[in-house]
Amino acid sequence: MPSWSEILTDVDLYSNPGIELDKKRTEYMDKIHAISGRNIIAYYSGWLKKHDAPHVSIDDQDKNAFMTAIHRLDKTKGLDLILHTPGGDIAATESIVTYLKSIFKGDIRAIIPQISMSAGTMMAMSCKEIIMGEQSSLGPIDPQMGGVACQAVIDEFNKAVNDVATNPASLGLWQAIISKYHPTFLTACKNAINWSEKLAEQWLKEVNPAIDVQKVKDVFLNHKNSYSHSRHLSKKDCKDAGLNIVDLEANPELQDAVLSLHHCYMILFDKFPISKIVENNIGGRYMQNYAIR
């Protein structure tokens, strides 16, 4: 497996590095397909390089990207979905997962080369297997509102109620804090939590009816246990929670191809103003560019 620096050095030898990167991604995508015998779709976000670029998160526009990537694939061969994303909109995620599961009859495996967080973790949970390496991470799926954890908002409000009940003098302090919430904010937070919990439970049971859903929720949905929405949960954490995790290291040939492909995408985001790319193993591709400021 060539390292990041080796691929970068090789690409920089050419006058058009973009074309060379295309060739290398195709090469490693072909290797993954040859090993698995399955359809391959890579869903990659460039948020690590340009977090404020448009469409780095999962959104409704991604449905068009997946429609492009699925076109002309042999749907009977199942799908290996390579994920690298910070997460995003839960409604868009639900729509995409429903679409993919319908097209491939639930025969979907997730491959996590590095990070698939939040709604990206929920996408992985909807798959029958999640292939992870020692460097791979999933993340908590507790929903956020404006960058604030919904569960933290609910916990803070409940604390305010209890504090005021036991110490009425604290009312002024809590009024200053709670008054910053806009109308219906608490209800929206509760609904988002219930929505995430319902989807997670549904998808987990679809792929493994015997799974201990509560154990998974305690790790991925309980803000009191995860502490932060940005927490990285390792392969071991995911196994211990009861997810159906397959070791990427168990197949060294697949590991080499997946990580080499991952390096190619990271170099692509580093060199070009691209915020997201979704592509398959037969040349179908959707790419989101952004303006350089």
Protein backbone atom coordinates (compact mmCIF):
# COMPACT_ATOMS: atom_id res chain seq x y z
CA MET A 1 0.00 0.00 0.00
CA PRO A 2 1.47 3.36 -0.98
CA SER A 3 1.33 5.98 1.75
CA TRP A 4 -0.25 9.43 1.44
CA SER A 5 3.16 11.00 0.73
CA GLU A 6 4.03 8.37 -1.87
CA ILE A 7 0.77 8.89 -3.77
CA LEU A 8 1.19 12.67 -3.51
CA THR A 9 4.75 12.50 -4.84
CA ASP A 10 3.64 10.27 -7.70
CA VAL A 11 0.74 12.56 -8.62
CA ASP A 12 2.93 15.68 -8.54
CA LEU A 13 5.17 14.21 -11.24
CA TYR A 14 2.43 14.84 -13.79
CA SER A 15 1.43 18.14 -15.39
CA ASN A 16 -2.24 17.42 -14.69
CA PRO A 17 -2.51 15.94 -11.18
CA GLY A 18 -6.31 15.88 -11.38
CA ILE A 19 -6.28 13.36 -14.21
CA GLU A 20 -3.67 11.27 -12.44
CA LEU A 21 -5.73 11.25 -9.24
CA ASP A 22 -8.74 10.11 -11.28
CA LYS A 23 -6.67 7.21 -12.63
CA LYS A 24 -5.45 6.21 -9.19
CA ARG A 25 -8.92 6.33 -7.64
CA THR A 26 -10.18 4.17 -10.50
CA GLU A 27 -7.30 1.75 -9.96
CA TYR A 28 -8.02 1.27 -6.25
CA MET A 29 -11.80 1.23 -6.76
CA ASP A 30 -11.30 -1.57 -9.31
CA LYS A 31 -9.19 -3.48 -6.78
CA ILE A 32 -11.86 -3.22 -4.10
CA HIS A 33 -14.50 -4.39 -6.58
CA ALA A 34 -12.31 -7.32 -7.68
CA ILE A 35 -11.85 -8.40 -4.06
CA SER A 36 -15.48 -8.08 -2.99
CA GLY A 37 -17.32 -8.81 -6.23
CA ARG A 38 -19.81 -6.15 -5.14
CA ASN A 39 -20.83 -2.70 -6.30
CA ILE A 40 -18.72 0.07 -4.77
CA ILE A 41 -19.88 3.60 -4.01
CA ALA A 42 -17.59 6.04 -2.22
CA TYR A 43 -19.32 8.91 -0.39
CA TYR A 44 -16.65 11.41 0.61
CA SER A 45 -16.87 14.85 2.20
CA GLY A 46 -14.00 17.34 2.27
CA TRP A 47 -15.00 18.87 5.62
CA LEU A 48 -11.62 18.08 7.21
CA LYS A 49 -9.97 20.40 4.69
CA LYS A 50 -12.69 23.03 4.26
CA HIS A 51 -15.31 22.69 6.98
CA ASP A 52 -17.26 25.81 5.95
CA ALA A 53 -17.52 24.89 2.25
CA PRO A 54 -21.07 24.30 0.96
CA HIS A 55 -22.59 20.83 1.05
CA VAL A 56 -19.88 19.15 3.14
CA SER A 57 -22.64 17.66 5.31
CA ILE A 58 -25.31 15.15 4.34
CA ASP A 59 -28.16 17.01 2.65
CA ASP A 60 -31.01 16.47 0.21
CA GLN A 61 -28.78 17.23 -2.75
CA ASP A 62 -27.00 13.96 -2.01
CA LYS A 63 -30.03 12.03 -3.28
CA ASN A 64 -29.14 13.23 -6.78
CA ALA A 65 -25.55 12.18 -6.19
CA PHE A 66 -26.59 8.66 -5.20
CA MET A 67 -29.01 8.42 -8.12
CA THR A 68 -26.07 9.22 -10.41
CA ALA A 69 -23.79 6.71 -8.67
CA ILE A 70 -26.38 3.90 -8.75
CA HIS A 71 -27.20 4.31 -12.43
CA ARG A 72 -26.19 1.23 -14.45
CA LEU A 73 -24.97 -0.76 -11.46
CA ASP A 74 -25.95 -4.42 -11.22
CA LYS A 75 -28.30 -4.16 -8.25
CA THR A 76 -28.15 -7.93 -7.61
CA LYS A 77 -24.51 -7.74 -6.50
CA GLY A 78 -25.14 -5.74 -3.33
CA LEU A 79 -23.34 -2.57 -2.32
CA ASP A 80 -20.21 -1.69 -0.39
CA LEU A 81 -20.65 1.91 0.74
CA ILE A 82 -17.40 3.67 1.65
CA LEU A 83 -18.23 6.51 4.05
CA HIS A 84 -16.25 9.58 5.10
CA THR A 85 -18.57 12.29 6.42
CA PRO A 86 -19.22 14.57 9.40
CA GLY A 87 -22.92 13.71 9.25
CA GLY A 88 -25.71 16.14 8.48
CA ASP A 89 -29.45 16.46 8.07
CA ILE A 90 -31.47 13.62 9.59
CA ALA A 91 -34.33 13.94 7.09
CA ALA A 92 -31.92 13.66 4.16
CA THR A 93 -30.20 10.72 5.85
CA GLU A 94 -33.49 8.88 6.34
CA SER A 95 -34.42 9.45 2.71
CA ILE A 96 -31.03 8.24 1.39
CA VAL A 97 -30.95 5.14 3.60
CA THR A 98 -34.51 4.21 2.61
CA TYR A 99 -33.59 4.64 -1.06
CA LEU A 100 -30.39 2.58 -0.88
CA LYS A 101 -31.97 -0.24 1.14
CA SER A 102 -34.82 -0.41 -1.37
CA ILE A 103 -32.52 -0.53 -4.40
CA PHE A 104 -30.14 -3.14 -2.98
CA LYS A 105 -32.72 -5.09 -0.93
CA GLY A 106 -30.79 -4.36 2.27
CA ASP A 107 -27.61 -6.02 0.99
CA ILE A 108 -25.33 -3.14 1.98
CA ARG A 109 -22.04 -3.10 3.87
CA ALA A 110 -20.41 0.08 5.17
CA ILE A 111 -16.66 0.58 4.97
CA ILE A 112 -15.17 3.26 7.25
CA PRO A 113 -11.60 4.16 6.22
CA GLN A 114 -11.33 6.96 8.80
CA ILE A 115 -14.41 8.82 10.12
CA SER A 116 -18.17 8.63 9.66
CA MET A 117 -19.83 10.75 12.33
CA SER A 118 -23.34 11.59 13.53
CA ALA A 119 -25.81 10.92 10.68
CA GLY A 120 -22.95 9.16 8.90
CA THR A 121 -22.86 6.75 11.83
CA MET A 122 -26.60 6.22 11.41
CA MET A 123 -26.02 5.37 7.75
CA ALA A 124 -23.42 2.80 8.83
CA MET A 125 -25.81 1.35 11.42
CA SER A 126 -28.38 0.75 8.69
CA CYS A 127 -25.95 -1.60 6.92
CA LYS A 128 -25.72 -5.34 7.56
CA GLU A 129 -21.98 -5.09 8.31
CA ILE A 130 -19.61 -2.27 9.20
CA ILE A 131 -16.01 -2.80 8.13
CA MET A 132 -13.58 -0.82 10.30
CA GLY A 133 -9.84 -0.64 10.83
CA GLU A 134 -7.91 0.30 13.94
CA GLN A 135 -7.84 3.89 12.63
CA SER A 136 -11.60 4.04 11.98
CA SER A 137 -14.16 5.92 14.07
CA LEU A 138 -17.91 6.32 14.31
CA GLY A 139 -19.54 8.94 16.52
CA PRO A 140 -22.52 9.73 18.75
CA ILE A 141 -25.86 10.11 17.00
CA ASP A 142 -27.47 12.49 19.49
CA PRO A 143 -29.04 15.25 17.36
CA GLN A 144 -27.84 18.85 17.31
CA MET A 145 -29.70 22.13 16.92
CA GLY A 146 -27.57 25.03 15.74
CA GLY A 147 -24.45 23.22 16.89
CA VAL A 148 -25.90 22.56 20.36
CA ALA A 149 -26.67 19.04 21.59
CA CYS A 150 -30.44 18.64 21.95
CA GLN A 151 -30.03 16.39 24.97
CA ALA A 152 -27.83 19.00 26.66
CA VAL A 153 -30.59 21.58 26.14
CA ILE A 154 -33.18 19.26 27.70
CA ASP A 155 -30.86 18.43 30.60
CA GLU A 156 -30.16 22.12 31.22
CA PHE A 157 -33.85 22.99 31.21
CA ASN A 158 -34.65 20.15 33.64
CA LYS A 159 -31.84 21.36 35.89
CA ALA A 160 -33.31 24.87 35.80
CA VAL A 161 -36.73 23.56 36.86
CA ASN A 162 -35.21 21.59 39.74
CA ASP A 163 -32.94 24.43 40.88
CA VAL A 164 -35.76 26.96 40.92
CA ALA A 165 -37.99 24.52 42.82
CA THR A 166 -35.38 24.05 45.55
CA ASN A 167 -33.88 27.54 45.44
CA PRO A 168 -36.31 30.22 44.16
CA ALA A 169 -33.52 32.81 44.37
CA SER A 170 -31.93 31.17 41.32
CA LEU A 171 -34.90 32.15 39.13
CA GLY A 172 -33.26 35.33 37.84
CA LEU A 173 -30.14 33.50 36.72
CA TRP A 174 -32.09 30.79 34.92
CA GLN A 175 -34.43 33.34 33.31
CA ALA A 176 -31.43 34.99 31.67
CA ILE A 177 -30.34 31.63 30.25
CA ILE A 178 -33.69 30.13 29.26
CA SER A 179 -34.89 33.40 27.69
CA LYS A 180 -32.33 32.85 24.91
CA TYR A 181 -34.30 29.82 23.68
CA HIS A 182 -36.64 30.71 20.84
CA PRO A 183 -40.29 29.52 21.01
CA THR A 184 -40.76 25.77 20.36
CA PHE A 185 -37.00 25.17 20.70
CA LEU A 186 -37.39 22.67 23.54
CA THR A 187 -40.11 20.80 21.67
CA ALA A 188 -37.98 20.71 18.53
CA CYS A 189 -35.09 19.28 20.55
CA LYS A 190 -37.30 16.57 22.06
CA ASN A 191 -38.68 15.67 18.63
CA ALA A 192 -35.20 15.44 17.13
CA ILE A 193 -34.07 13.10 19.92
CA ASN A 194 -37.11 10.89 19.45
CA TRP A 195 -36.64 10.84 15.67
CA SER A 196 -32.97 9.81 15.89
CA GLU A 197 -33.77 7.16 18.48
CA LYS A 198 -36.62 5.72 16.43
CA LEU A 199 -34.57 5.53 13.22
CA ALA A 200 -31.57 3.99 14.97
CA GLU A 201 -33.74 1.33 16.60
CA GLN A 202 -35.55 0.55 13.35
CA TRP A 203 -32.38 0.19 11.27
CA LEU A 204 -30.48 -1.77 13.91
CA LYS A 205 -33.32 -4.30 14.24
CA GLU A 206 -33.67 -4.62 10.47
CA VAL A 207 -30.07 -5.83 10.14
CA ASN A 208 -29.93 -7.75 13.45
CA PRO A 209 -33.26 -8.54 15.14
CA ALA A 210 -31.42 -9.99 18.17
CA ILE A 211 -29.33 -6.87 18.87
CA ASP A 212 -29.47 -5.23 22.29
CA VAL A 213 -30.71 -1.85 21.08
CA GLN A 214 -30.55 -0.27 24.52
CA LYS A 215 -26.85 -1.09 24.78
CA VAL A 216 -26.21 0.64 21.46
CA LYS A 217 -28.29 3.65 22.54
CA ASP A 218 -26.32 3.95 25.78
CA VAL A 219 -23.10 4.32 23.79
CA PHE A 220 -24.24 6.33 20.78
CA LEU A 221 -27.34 8.26 21.85
CA ASN A 222 -26.82 9.03 25.54
CA HIS A 223 -25.13 12.42 25.83
CA LYS A 224 -24.32 11.70 29.48
CA ASN A 225 -22.09 8.81 28.39
CA SER A 226 -20.52 10.22 25.23
CA TYR A 227 -20.03 13.75 26.75
CA SER A 228 -19.46 15.34 23.32
CA HIS A 229 -21.06 14.98 19.90
CA SER A 230 -17.58 15.11 18.37
CA ARG A 231 -16.32 12.12 20.36
CA HIS A 232 -14.62 9.49 18.20
CA LEU A 233 -15.76 5.94 19.01
CA SER A 234 -13.18 3.33 18.03
CA LYS A 235 -13.68 -0.04 16.41
CA LYS A 236 -13.49 -1.64 19.85
CA ASP A 237 -16.09 0.77 21.24
CA CYS A 238 -18.41 -0.16 18.38
CA LYS A 239 -17.85 -3.88 18.89
CA ASP A 240 -18.45 -3.58 22.62
CA ALA A 241 -21.72 -1.73 21.91
CA GLY A 242 -22.91 -4.73 19.89
CA LEU A 243 -22.63 -3.45 16.32
CA ASN A 244 -21.77 -6.01 13.65
CA ILE A 245 -18.17 -4.90 13.07
CA VAL A 246 -15.82 -6.68 10.66
CA ASP A 247 -12.07 -6.08 10.95
CA LEU A 248 -10.61 -4.40 7.89
CA GLU A 249 -7.26 -5.91 8.87
CA ALA A 250 -8.70 -9.41 8.39
CA ASN A 251 -8.27 -8.93 4.63
CA PRO A 252 -4.87 -7.23 4.03
CA GLU A 253 -5.52 -6.90 0.31
CA LEU A 254 -8.80 -5.09 0.92
CA GLN A 255 -7.19 -2.97 3.62
CA ASP A 256 -4.44 -1.82 1.25
CA ALA A 257 -6.90 -0.92 -1.50
CA VAL A 258 -9.33 0.91 0.84
CA LEU A 259 -6.63 2.99 2.55
CA SER A 260 -4.91 3.83 -0.74
CA LEU A 261 -8.26 5.00 -2.12
CA HIS A 262 -8.77 7.03 1.06
CA HIS A 263 -5.40 8.75 0.58
CA CYS A 264 -6.40 9.64 -2.99
CA TYR A 265 -9.56 11.37 -1.78
CA MET A 266 -7.71 13.28 0.92
CA ILE A 267 -5.17 14.51 -1.62
CA LEU A 268 -8.02 15.46 -3.98
CA PHE A 269 -9.65 17.65 -1.32
CA ASP A 270 -6.27 19.15 -0.44
CA LYS A 271 -5.39 20.11 -4.01
CA PHE A 272 -8.75 21.12 -5.50
CA PRO A 273 -11.80 23.19 -4.39
CA ILE A 274 -14.06 20.16 -3.99
CA SER A 275 -16.39 19.79 -1.01
CA LYS A 276 -17.93 16.40 -1.79
CA ILE A 277 -17.63 13.52 -4.22
CA VAL A 278 -19.83 10.47 -4.72
CA GLU A 279 -18.64 7.93 -7.28
CA ASN A 280 -18.93 4.27 -8.17
CA ASN A 281 -16.65 1.57 -9.56
CA ILE A 282 -17.91 1.88 -13.16
CA GLY A 283 -17.17 5.57 -13.65
CA GLY A 284 -20.35 7.22 -12.39
CA ARG A 285 -19.45 10.39 -10.52
CA TYR A 286 -21.04 13.38 -8.81
CA MET A 287 -18.74 16.16 -7.62
CA GLN A 288 -19.54 19.30 -5.63
CA ASN A 289 -17.17 22.24 -6.15
CA TYR A 290 -16.94 25.46 -4.16
CA ALA A 291 -15.60 28.94 -4.96
CA ILE A 292 -12.16 29.78 -3.56
CA ARG A 293 -12.27 32.98 -1.52
